[in-house]
Protein backbone atom coordinates (compact mmCIF):
# COMPACT_ATOMS: atom_id res chain seq x y z
CA MET A 1 4.00 71.28 -156.27
CA ASN A 2 2.14 68.65 -158.13
CA PHE A 3 4.13 68.57 -161.34
CA GLU A 4 7.45 67.26 -162.51
CA CYS A 5 10.42 69.61 -162.22
CA ASP A 6 11.24 69.62 -165.88
CA MET A 7 11.81 72.72 -168.04
CA ASN A 8 9.47 71.17 -170.62
CA ASN A 9 6.65 71.59 -168.09
CA ALA A 10 5.02 75.05 -168.29
CA SER A 11 4.02 75.05 -164.61
CA TYR A 12 7.57 74.27 -163.54
CA ARG A 13 8.99 77.00 -165.78
CA GLU A 14 6.71 79.53 -164.07
CA CYS A 15 7.74 78.29 -160.65
CA PHE A 16 11.42 78.23 -161.62
CA ASN A 17 11.30 81.80 -162.89
CA LEU A 18 9.97 82.97 -159.55
CA LEU A 19 11.97 80.82 -157.13
CA SER A 20 15.30 81.21 -158.91
CA ARG A 21 15.14 84.96 -158.20
CA PHE A 22 15.58 83.97 -154.55
CA ASN A 23 18.17 81.25 -155.29
CA ILE A 24 15.68 78.50 -154.41
CA TYR A 25 15.91 75.25 -156.35
CA HIS A 26 14.57 71.70 -156.16
CA CYS A 27 16.75 68.96 -154.71
CA ASP A 28 15.63 66.11 -156.95
CA ASP A 29 19.25 65.34 -157.85
CA LEU A 30 19.95 64.52 -154.18
CA ILE A 31 17.38 61.71 -153.97
CA ASP A 32 19.02 58.31 -153.46
CA ASP A 33 16.56 56.38 -155.58
CA ASP A 34 16.82 55.54 -159.26
CA LEU A 35 13.05 55.21 -159.67
CA CYS A 36 11.57 58.37 -158.17
CA VAL A 37 7.84 57.84 -157.80
CA THR A 38 6.12 60.08 -155.27
CA TYR A 39 2.54 59.65 -156.49
CA ARG A 40 0.89 56.33 -157.15
CA ASN A 41 -2.68 55.50 -158.10
CA ASP A 42 -3.07 51.77 -158.61
CA LYS A 43 -6.69 52.01 -159.82
CA LEU A 44 -5.66 54.36 -162.63
CA ASN A 45 -2.38 52.50 -163.16
CA HIS A 46 -0.58 55.83 -162.90
CA SER A 47 2.54 56.94 -161.11
CA SER A 48 4.74 60.02 -161.34
CA PHE A 49 7.34 62.14 -159.60
CA ILE A 50 5.37 65.22 -158.55
CA ASP A 51 6.45 65.90 -154.96
CA HIS A 52 9.66 67.79 -154.34
CA VAL A 53 11.72 69.61 -151.74
CA PHE A 54 13.08 73.07 -152.43
CA PHE A 55 15.89 74.87 -150.64
CA SER A 56 17.80 78.06 -151.03
CA ASP A 57 21.47 77.88 -151.95
CA SER A 58 22.32 78.95 -148.40
CA VAL A 59 20.81 75.71 -147.02
CA ARG A 60 21.15 73.30 -149.95
CA HIS A 61 24.84 72.66 -149.32
CA ARG A 62 23.88 71.38 -145.84
CA VAL A 63 21.59 68.65 -147.21
CA ILE A 64 23.06 65.18 -146.66
CA ASN A 65 20.40 63.32 -148.64
CA VAL A 66 16.76 63.23 -149.64
CA GLU A 67 14.98 59.89 -149.62
CA LEU A 68 11.58 58.47 -150.32
CA CYS A 69 9.88 57.11 -147.22
CA ASP A 70 7.63 54.44 -148.71
CA SER A 71 6.57 52.51 -145.64
CA GLY A 72 3.46 50.52 -144.80
CA SER A 73 2.35 53.24 -142.38
CA ASN A 74 1.72 55.73 -145.17
CA LEU A 75 -1.98 55.78 -146.06
CA SER A 76 -1.65 58.46 -148.74
CA ASP A 77 -1.22 58.05 -152.48
CA HIS A 78 1.80 60.39 -152.14
CA VAL A 79 5.13 59.11 -150.86
CA PRO A 80 6.77 61.45 -148.33
CA LEU A 81 10.26 62.82 -148.94
CA VAL A 82 12.58 62.91 -145.93
CA THR A 83 15.54 65.28 -145.91
CA SER A 84 18.62 64.90 -143.70
CA PHE A 85 20.88 67.84 -142.90
CA ASP A 86 24.37 68.11 -141.46
CA PHE A 87 23.48 70.65 -138.79
CA GLN A 88 21.86 70.54 -135.39
CA LEU A 89 19.11 72.74 -134.08
CA ASN A 90 19.46 74.03 -130.55
CA VAL A 91 15.98 74.41 -129.12
CA THR A 92 15.23 75.73 -125.69
CA ARG A 93 11.92 75.17 -124.05
CA THR A 94 10.36 78.05 -122.23
CA VAL A 95 7.94 77.65 -119.38
CA PRO A 96 4.97 80.04 -119.43
CA GLN A 97 5.18 82.70 -116.78
CA VAL A 98 2.26 82.90 -114.37
CA ILE A 99 0.99 86.45 -114.02
CA ILE A 100 -1.19 87.22 -111.05
CA PRO A 101 -3.00 90.50 -111.60
CA THR A 102 -3.53 92.82 -108.67
CA ASN A 103 -7.26 92.18 -108.69
CA ALA A 104 -6.60 88.44 -108.27
CA LEU A 105 -5.67 89.12 -104.70
CA LEU A 106 -9.24 90.31 -104.27
CA GLY A 107 -10.76 87.14 -105.76
CA GLY A 108 -10.29 87.87 -109.50
CA ALA A 109 -9.10 85.37 -112.14
CA ILE A 110 -5.52 84.20 -112.68
CA SER A 111 -4.26 84.22 -116.29
CA LEU A 112 -1.30 82.53 -117.92
CA ALA A 113 0.80 84.54 -120.36
């Protein structure tokens, strides 16, 4: 969302009215930076805090912190926000199964599923 999360902002009020029905809120208060600038345009001499992360209440309590990642490798005029959580994801990798159709035995094609 390219606007500040402030109830004085009409766009945010619209967004808040919708997302709050699902218990989804911004996490701006969890950012460990006193000067939150996520958009910067040096030519226009303009900067603002218009990028945010939103989480439901069921996940928000698992957020450790949200930080601005303003490194030299970022070529955008927006500064990425990085969120750390206190849980681990268990991911298993599956190997595609090779299916050999009956007609393949007669010289047909082999397909991967």
